[in-house]
Protein backbone atom coordinates (compact mmCIF):
# COMPACT_ATOMS: atom_id res chain seq x y z
CA UNK A 1 7.44 -17.02 13.18
CA UNK A 2 7.83 -14.57 10.29
CA UNK A 3 11.59 -14.95 10.62
CA UNK A 4 11.25 -18.71 10.15
CA UNK A 5 8.95 -18.31 7.15
CA UNK A 6 11.37 -15.89 5.49
CA UNK A 7 14.30 -18.21 6.28
CA UNK A 8 12.46 -21.19 4.78
CA UNK A 9 11.52 -19.22 1.66
CA UNK A 10 15.07 -17.85 1.33
CA UNK A 11 16.50 -21.34 1.61
CA UNK A 12 14.02 -22.67 -0.95
CA UNK A 13 14.60 -19.88 -3.46
CA UNK A 14 18.24 -19.17 -2.72
CA UNK A 15 17.47 -15.46 -2.24
CA UNK A 16 16.23 -13.35 0.64
CA UNK A 17 14.92 -10.79 -1.87
CA UNK A 18 12.81 -13.50 -3.54
CA UNK A 19 11.59 -14.62 -0.11
CA UNK A 20 10.40 -11.07 0.59
CA UNK A 21 8.56 -10.96 -2.74
CA UNK A 22 6.86 -14.34 -2.11
CA UNK A 23 5.87 -13.44 1.47
CA UNK A 24 4.45 -10.11 0.28
CA UNK A 25 2.42 -11.77 -2.47
CA UNK A 26 1.04 -14.29 0.04
CA UNK A 27 -0.07 -11.54 2.42
CA UNK A 28 -1.64 -9.50 -0.38
CA UNK A 29 -3.49 -12.58 -1.67
CA UNK A 30 -4.84 -13.22 1.83
CA UNK A 31 -6.07 -9.60 1.98
CA UNK A 32 -7.77 -9.72 -1.41
CA UNK A 33 -11.33 -9.95 0.00
CA UNK A 34 -10.75 -6.76 2.02
CA UNK A 35 -9.26 -5.03 -1.01
CA UNK A 36 -12.28 -5.93 -3.11
CA UNK A 37 -14.52 -4.39 -0.44
CA UNK A 38 -12.40 -1.24 -0.58
CA UNK A 39 -12.78 -1.01 -4.37
CA UNK A 40 -16.51 -1.50 -4.03
CA UNK A 41 -16.62 1.31 -1.46
CA UNK A 42 -14.64 3.51 -3.85
CA UNK A 43 -17.21 2.89 -6.59
CA UNK A 44 -20.05 3.63 -4.16
CA UNK A 45 -18.40 6.92 -3.14
CA UNK A 46 -17.98 7.90 -6.79
CA UNK A 47 -21.62 7.05 -7.50
CA UNK A 48 -22.78 9.00 -4.45
CA UNK A 49 -20.49 11.99 -5.03
CA UNK A 50 -23.30 14.39 -5.98
CA UNK A 51 -25.35 13.38 -2.94
CA UNK A 52 -22.31 13.60 -0.66
CA UNK A 53 -21.59 17.10 -2.01
CA UNK A 54 -25.16 18.13 -1.17
CA UNK A 55 -24.77 16.74 2.33
CA UNK A 56 -21.51 18.70 2.80
CA UNK A 57 -23.27 21.83 1.55
CA UNK A 58 -26.26 21.31 3.82
CA UNK A 59 -24.48 20.08 6.99
CA UNK A 60 -20.92 21.37 6.50
CA UNK A 61 -21.04 23.45 9.64
CA UNK A 62 -22.16 20.55 11.82
CA UNK A 63 -19.55 17.77 11.49
CA UNK A 64 -21.47 15.35 13.72
CA UNK A 65 -24.63 15.53 11.61
CA UNK A 66 -22.57 15.42 8.41
CA UNK A 67 -20.82 12.24 9.58
CA UNK A 68 -24.13 10.63 10.57
CA UNK A 69 -25.80 11.49 7.26
CA UNK A 70 -22.76 10.34 5.26
CA UNK A 71 -22.69 7.03 7.15
CA UNK A 72 -26.44 6.55 6.59
CA UNK A 73 -26.08 7.21 2.87
CA UNK A 74 -23.07 4.87 2.53
CA UNK A 75 -24.76 2.09 4.52
CA UNK A 76 -27.87 2.35 2.36
CA UNK A 77 -25.57 1.43 -0.57
CA UNK A 78 -24.00 -1.45 1.37
CA UNK A 79 -20.73 0.29 2.16
CA UNK A 80 -19.16 2.45 4.82
CA UNK A 81 -16.97 5.53 4.97
CA UNK A 82 -14.00 3.57 6.33
CA UNK A 83 -14.20 0.51 4.05
CA UNK A 84 -11.16 1.64 2.06
CA UNK A 85 -8.95 1.56 5.15
CA UNK A 86 -9.39 -2.13 5.94
CA UNK A 87 -6.61 -3.47 3.68
CA UNK A 88 -4.13 -0.93 5.04
CA UNK A 89 -5.02 -1.66 8.64
CA UNK A 90 -4.88 -5.42 8.08
CA UNK A 91 -1.42 -5.10 6.49
CA UNK A 92 -0.01 -2.97 9.30
CA UNK A 93 1.05 -5.80 11.67
CA UNK A 94 2.77 -7.64 8.81
CA UNK A 95 4.58 -4.48 7.74
CA UNK A 96 5.72 -3.85 11.30
CA UNK A 97 7.04 -7.39 11.68
CA UNK A 98 8.80 -7.22 8.33
CA UNK A 99 10.36 -3.88 9.19
CA UNK A 100 11.77 -5.40 12.38
CA UNK A 101 13.26 -8.19 10.26
CA UNK A 102 14.66 -5.71 7.74
CA UNK A 103 16.39 -3.57 10.36
CA UNK A 104 17.81 -6.49 12.33
CA UNK A 105 20.51 -8.99 11.55
CA UNK A 106 18.18 -11.36 9.67
CA UNK A 107 18.83 -9.81 6.25
CA UNK A 108 22.24 -8.24 6.90
CA UNK A 109 24.79 -9.58 4.45
CA UNK A 110 22.19 -10.45 1.81
CA UNK A 111 22.17 -8.21 -1.23
CA UNK A 112 20.18 -6.87 -4.15
CA UNK A 113 22.26 -5.51 -7.03
CA UNK A 114 25.26 -5.43 -4.70
CA UNK A 115 23.49 -3.38 -2.00
CA UNK A 116 23.07 -4.88 1.45
CA UNK A 117 19.36 -5.35 2.17
CA UNK A 118 19.75 -3.29 5.37
CA UNK A 119 21.24 -0.29 3.50
CA UNK A 120 19.20 2.89 3.16
CA UNK A 121 19.34 5.22 0.17
CA UNK A 122 19.51 8.20 2.54
CA UNK A 123 22.69 6.84 4.13
CA UNK A 124 24.20 5.42 0.91
CA UNK A 125 23.11 7.63 -2.01
CA UNK A 126 25.19 5.67 -4.51
CA UNK A 127 23.35 2.36 -4.19
CA UNK A 128 21.70 1.46 -7.48
CA UNK A 129 19.12 -0.76 -5.78
CA UNK A 130 17.81 2.20 -3.78
CA UNK A 131 17.43 4.39 -6.87
CA UNK A 132 15.83 1.55 -8.81
CA UNK A 133 13.31 1.03 -6.01
CA UNK A 134 12.54 4.78 -5.82
CA UNK A 135 12.07 4.91 -9.61
CA UNK A 136 9.80 1.85 -9.61
CA UNK A 137 7.71 3.29 -6.77
CA UNK A 138 7.40 6.61 -8.64
CA UNK A 139 6.15 4.80 -11.75
CA UNK A 140 3.71 2.75 -9.67
CA UNK A 141 2.41 5.89 -7.92
CA UNK A 142 1.87 7.67 -11.24
CA UNK A 143 0.01 4.62 -12.59
CA UNK A 144 -2.16 4.39 -9.47
CA UNK A 145 -3.01 8.10 -9.52
CA UNK A 146 -4.09 7.81 -13.16
CA UNK A 147 -6.38 4.93 -12.20
CA UNK A 148 -8.17 6.88 -9.46
CA UNK A 149 -11.75 7.89 -10.24
CA UNK A 150 -12.54 11.45 -11.27
CA UNK A 151 -12.89 13.74 -8.30
CA UNK A 152 -10.63 11.73 -5.98
CA UNK A 153 -9.37 13.97 -3.19
CA UNK A 154 -5.97 15.59 -3.71
CA UNK A 155 -4.76 14.02 -0.47
CA UNK A 156 -5.45 10.55 -1.87
CA UNK A 157 -3.45 11.43 -4.97
CA UNK A 158 -0.54 12.75 -2.90
CA UNK A 159 -0.56 9.75 -0.57
CA UNK A 160 0.19 7.55 -3.57
CA UNK A 161 3.66 9.12 -3.61
CA UNK A 162 4.24 8.54 0.11
CA UNK A 163 5.97 5.25 -0.58
CA UNK A 164 8.55 7.02 -2.75
CA UNK A 165 9.54 9.31 0.12
CA UNK A 166 9.40 6.41 2.56
CA UNK A 167 11.69 4.25 0.37
CA UNK A 168 14.55 6.72 0.81
CA UNK A 169 14.66 6.23 4.59
CA UNK A 170 13.91 2.50 4.75
CA UNK A 171 16.19 -0.47 4.12
CA UNK A 172 16.42 -1.91 0.60
CA UNK A 173 14.55 -4.97 1.93
CA UNK A 174 11.58 -2.74 2.82
CA UNK A 175 11.80 -1.23 -0.65
CA UNK A 176 11.41 -4.71 -2.14
CA UNK A 177 8.25 -5.12 -0.09
CA UNK A 178 6.95 -1.69 -1.18
CA UNK A 179 7.57 -2.36 -4.88
CA UNK A 180 5.98 -5.82 -4.74
CA UNK A 181 2.97 -4.52 -2.84
CA UNK A 182 2.72 -1.51 -5.17
CA UNK A 183 2.73 -3.67 -8.30
CA UNK A 184 0.09 -5.91 -6.70
CA UNK A 185 -2.05 -2.84 -5.98
CA UNK A 186 -1.67 -1.52 -9.53
CA UNK A 187 -2.70 -4.84 -11.07
CA UNK A 188 -5.48 -5.36 -8.53
CA UNK A 189 -6.86 -1.87 -9.20
CA UNK A 190 -6.76 -2.35 -12.97
CA UNK A 191 -8.58 -5.68 -12.71
CA UNK A 192 -11.10 -4.39 -10.13
CA UNK A 193 -12.05 -1.47 -12.37
CA UNK A 194 -13.04 -3.83 -15.20
């Protein structure tokens, strides 16, 4: 079905790259309620940081009790420790289906800045589209890291740059998805913080 949607969008816009952008925006818009829950959970965690630190201090040696107490505290504020994962998990099937499209014949022969949408920067280091995507993802990651609340775990900050590394080994078409989704996240985060 996704293949047919992308084909219809590509026919309507005259560009497979534009079809990928439109499909990505549609999925991200559908996931907006989950994203808003994740931002709310992030604010709750920031608010509860001192109490969570005390819990880690008090129950750090007993992970089961620590997890129970953390969950109790988060639920009392109307959130949960895994609320931030929902948008990622909900996107996973779409990403998997798109990746199958991007590595198959569906996008072969279509280009972005002269690079075939199935080309990978790792295999073709001279493709401008691949470098442009990596640069855009680096800028997006830097922006997103600067928007994280004080005291965000280092792992969260580093994960923001995961898409940059991933873009080198994925097809240009996947890079288009990553940039579109990254820009959406940056705008969404900026708006959610206000």
